[in-house]
Protein backbone atom coordinates (compact mmCIF):
# COMPACT_ATOMS: atom_id res chain seq x y z
CA MET A 1 -43.23 59.37 -151.71
CA ALA A 2 -46.06 57.01 -150.73
CA SER A 3 -48.46 59.83 -149.88
CA LYS A 4 -48.06 61.27 -153.40
CA VAL A 5 -48.45 57.86 -154.99
CA ALA A 6 -51.48 57.19 -152.81
CA ASP A 7 -53.14 60.26 -154.33
CA ALA A 8 -52.72 58.88 -157.86
CA ASP A 9 -55.48 57.41 -159.99
CA ARG A 10 -55.91 53.82 -158.72
CA ARG A 11 -55.95 52.55 -162.32
CA ALA A 12 -52.30 53.67 -162.62
CA LEU A 13 -51.22 51.67 -159.57
CA PRO A 14 -49.14 50.00 -158.50
CA VAL A 15 -46.11 51.85 -159.76
CA ARG A 16 -43.35 49.32 -160.25
CA MET A 17 -39.91 50.14 -158.90
CA TYR A 18 -37.13 48.03 -160.46
CA VAL A 19 -34.10 47.83 -158.17
CA ALA A 20 -30.61 47.27 -159.59
CA GLY A 21 -27.08 47.99 -158.35
CA GLY A 22 -25.80 47.43 -154.84
CA ALA A 23 -29.28 47.51 -153.32
CA ALA A 24 -30.32 44.62 -155.57
CA LEU A 25 -27.15 42.73 -154.66
CA TYR A 26 -27.99 43.21 -150.99
CA LEU A 27 -31.60 42.07 -151.46
CA LEU A 28 -30.38 38.96 -153.31
CA THR A 29 -27.43 38.00 -151.11
CA GLY A 30 -27.57 39.92 -147.83
CA LEU A 31 -23.99 41.00 -148.55
CA ARG A 32 -22.54 44.48 -149.20
CA PRO A 33 -25.14 46.91 -147.88
CA SER A 34 -25.62 49.86 -150.19
CA GLU A 35 -25.92 53.54 -149.37
CA ASP A 36 -28.04 54.24 -152.42
CA ILE A 37 -30.79 52.64 -154.43
CA ASP A 38 -30.39 52.43 -158.20
CA ALA A 39 -33.91 52.06 -159.53
CA THR A 40 -36.18 52.85 -162.43
CA PHE A 41 -39.95 53.11 -162.36
CA SER A 42 -42.71 51.80 -164.59
CA ARG A 43 -44.19 55.30 -164.82
CA ARG A 44 -42.88 58.82 -164.87
CA LEU A 45 -42.95 60.24 -161.37
CA ILE A 46 -42.29 63.61 -159.85
CA LEU A 47 -40.13 62.72 -156.90
CA GLY A 48 -39.67 64.95 -153.88
CA GLU A 49 -36.38 65.99 -152.40
CA ASP A 50 -36.70 63.86 -149.26
CA LEU A 51 -35.75 60.53 -150.76
CA GLU A 52 -33.57 59.26 -147.96
CA VAL A 53 -34.07 57.21 -144.85
CA ALA A 54 -31.91 57.25 -141.74
CA TYR A 55 -31.63 53.96 -139.87
CA ARG A 56 -29.37 51.87 -137.64
CA ASP A 57 -27.74 48.81 -139.14
CA ALA A 58 -27.39 45.44 -137.42
CA ASP A 59 -24.26 46.71 -135.62
CA GLY A 60 -26.08 49.80 -134.34
CA ARG A 61 -24.28 52.22 -136.68
CA ALA A 62 -26.26 55.17 -138.04
CA ARG A 63 -26.73 54.91 -141.80
CA ILE A 64 -28.56 56.71 -144.56
CA LEU A 65 -30.12 55.09 -147.61
CA TYR A 66 -31.12 57.33 -150.50
CA LEU A 67 -32.66 56.97 -153.95
CA ASP A 68 -30.01 57.79 -156.55
CA ARG A 69 -31.73 60.37 -158.73
CA ASN A 70 -28.92 60.12 -161.29
CA TYR A 71 -29.30 56.41 -161.98
CA ASN A 72 -30.06 55.74 -165.63
CA ASP A 73 -30.39 52.28 -167.16
CA THR A 74 -30.37 53.37 -170.81
CA LEU A 75 -26.61 53.52 -171.36
CA GLY A 76 -25.61 50.30 -169.63
CA LEU A 77 -25.91 46.71 -170.75
CA MET A 78 -29.31 45.28 -169.85
CA HIS A 79 -31.29 42.39 -171.24
CA GLU A 80 -34.58 43.41 -172.84
CA ASP A 81 -36.52 41.05 -170.54
CA ALA A 82 -34.80 42.14 -167.31
CA TYR A 83 -37.77 44.04 -165.91
CA GLU A 84 -40.31 41.43 -167.00
CA ASP A 85 -38.22 38.70 -165.35
CA SER A 86 -37.64 40.65 -162.11
CA ALA A 87 -39.16 39.42 -158.86
CA ALA A 88 -41.38 41.28 -156.42
CA VAL A 89 -39.93 41.75 -152.95
CA THR A 90 -41.62 42.78 -149.73
CA ILE A 91 -40.20 45.90 -148.12
CA PRO A 92 -41.54 46.76 -144.64
CA GLY A 93 -43.42 50.05 -144.76
CA VAL A 94 -44.01 49.96 -148.53
CA ASP A 95 -47.58 49.22 -149.59
CA PRO A 96 -47.35 46.90 -152.63
CA ALA A 97 -50.75 48.15 -153.80
CA LEU A 98 -49.07 51.54 -154.31
CA VAL A 99 -45.44 50.69 -155.09
CA GLU A 100 -44.48 47.19 -156.18
CA VAL A 101 -40.76 46.87 -155.47
CA ARG A 102 -39.07 44.43 -157.82
CA VAL A 103 -35.47 43.26 -157.90
CA LEU A 104 -33.56 42.16 -160.98
CA THR A 105 -32.73 38.46 -161.17
CA PRO A 106 -29.16 37.62 -160.17
CA LEU A 107 -28.34 36.95 -163.83
CA ASP A 108 -29.75 40.26 -165.04
CA LEU A 109 -28.03 42.11 -162.22
CA ALA A 110 -24.75 40.49 -163.32
CA VAL A 111 -25.34 41.64 -166.91
CA THR A 112 -25.75 45.24 -165.71
CA LYS A 113 -22.29 45.02 -164.12
CA ILE A 114 -20.52 44.25 -167.41
CA ALA A 115 -20.53 47.52 -169.38
CA ARG A 116 -19.01 49.77 -166.71
CA PHE A 117 -16.99 46.88 -165.25
CA SER A 118 -15.49 48.83 -162.34
CA GLU A 119 -13.65 47.13 -159.50
CA GLN A 120 -16.92 47.16 -157.50
CA ASP A 121 -18.74 45.55 -160.45
CA ARG A 122 -16.11 42.81 -160.60
CA THR A 123 -16.46 42.20 -156.88
CA ASP A 124 -20.25 42.04 -157.22
CA LEU A 125 -19.95 39.46 -160.01
CA GLU A 126 -17.67 37.40 -157.80
CA VAL A 127 -20.19 37.60 -154.92
CA LEU A 128 -23.05 36.46 -157.18
CA ALA A 129 -20.97 33.51 -158.37
CA ARG A 130 -19.54 32.64 -154.96
CA THR A 131 -23.06 32.49 -153.51
CA GLY A 132 -24.16 30.20 -156.33
CA ARG A 133 -26.59 32.65 -157.91
CA ILE A 134 -25.00 32.80 -161.38
CA ASP A 135 -22.83 30.65 -163.62
CA ALA A 136 -20.55 31.68 -166.48
CA LYS A 137 -22.42 29.89 -169.27
CA SER A 138 -25.76 31.54 -168.41
CA LEU A 139 -24.09 34.91 -167.91
CA ARG A 140 -22.41 34.74 -171.32
CA ARG A 141 -25.68 33.81 -173.04
CA ARG A 142 -27.74 36.52 -171.32
CA ALA A 143 -25.08 39.22 -171.83
CA GLU A 144 -24.64 38.37 -175.52
CA GLU A 145 -28.42 38.54 -175.98
CA ALA A 146 -28.35 42.00 -174.36
CA LEU A 147 -25.74 43.27 -176.84
CA GLY A 148 -28.44 43.76 -179.50
CA ALA A 149 -29.80 46.83 -177.69
CA TYR A 150 -26.49 48.12 -176.32
CA VAL A 151 -25.49 51.62 -177.42
CA GLY A 152 -21.85 51.50 -176.33
CA ASP A 153 -18.64 50.09 -177.79
CA LEU A 154 -19.45 46.47 -178.67
CA ALA A 155 -15.82 45.35 -178.77
CA SER A 156 -15.24 46.66 -175.27
CA ALA A 157 -18.48 45.05 -174.05
CA ARG A 158 -17.47 41.70 -175.55
CA THR A 159 -14.10 41.90 -173.82
CA SER A 160 -15.86 42.69 -170.53
CA ILE A 161 -18.20 39.72 -171.04
CA GLU A 162 -15.18 37.46 -171.48
CA LEU A 163 -13.48 38.84 -168.36
CA ALA A 164 -16.72 38.66 -166.35
CA CYS A 165 -17.17 35.01 -167.28
CA ARG A 166 -13.62 34.27 -166.13
CA ILE A 167 -14.33 35.94 -162.78
CA VAL A 168 -17.52 33.89 -162.40
CA GLU A 169 -15.78 30.64 -163.39
CA GLU A 170 -12.97 31.23 -160.89
CA ALA A 171 -15.40 32.07 -158.08
CA ALA A 172 -17.42 28.94 -158.88
CA ARG A 173 -14.23 26.85 -158.83
CA ARG A 174 -13.29 28.23 -155.41
CA ARG A 175 -16.83 27.61 -154.14
CA ARG A 176 -16.72 23.96 -155.24
CA LYS A 177 -13.37 23.46 -153.45
CA HIS A 178 -14.87 24.60 -150.14
């Protein structure tokens, strides 16, 4: 990918890559390694087929990490300022002059977990709260602000916000006890 980006007009660079999902959770917490990267880009790109990397994890196990070509942020719940508020991260082997990798804030990542609200999303919310990266009051505010641009069922999203805040409150309570 970098060789194609390197051939681009320098005025169009860097391309910004906004990381969400499990990869963002891992970058923020160091917990739950992901097998895929959910990301969007600041520009339209023609991506090759070889968007995976084989590596050995800390335990020596062979792993593969790939860019999820099916990831789409338009149908989920996302705050309108999520990309603007994201933070640049340094990834070894990625030239930030070509590709600026950015990760959603913990709060914005939590908001993206609310619409689908799978068991994995619930666990990720709990991890963000348990590690002290989000609180229920801020999550509720940011998620409710994001509802204005949401294209799904608002009643269901509001119910998920309520449940998500309960998960976060309970994880925070357990964290304070320890």
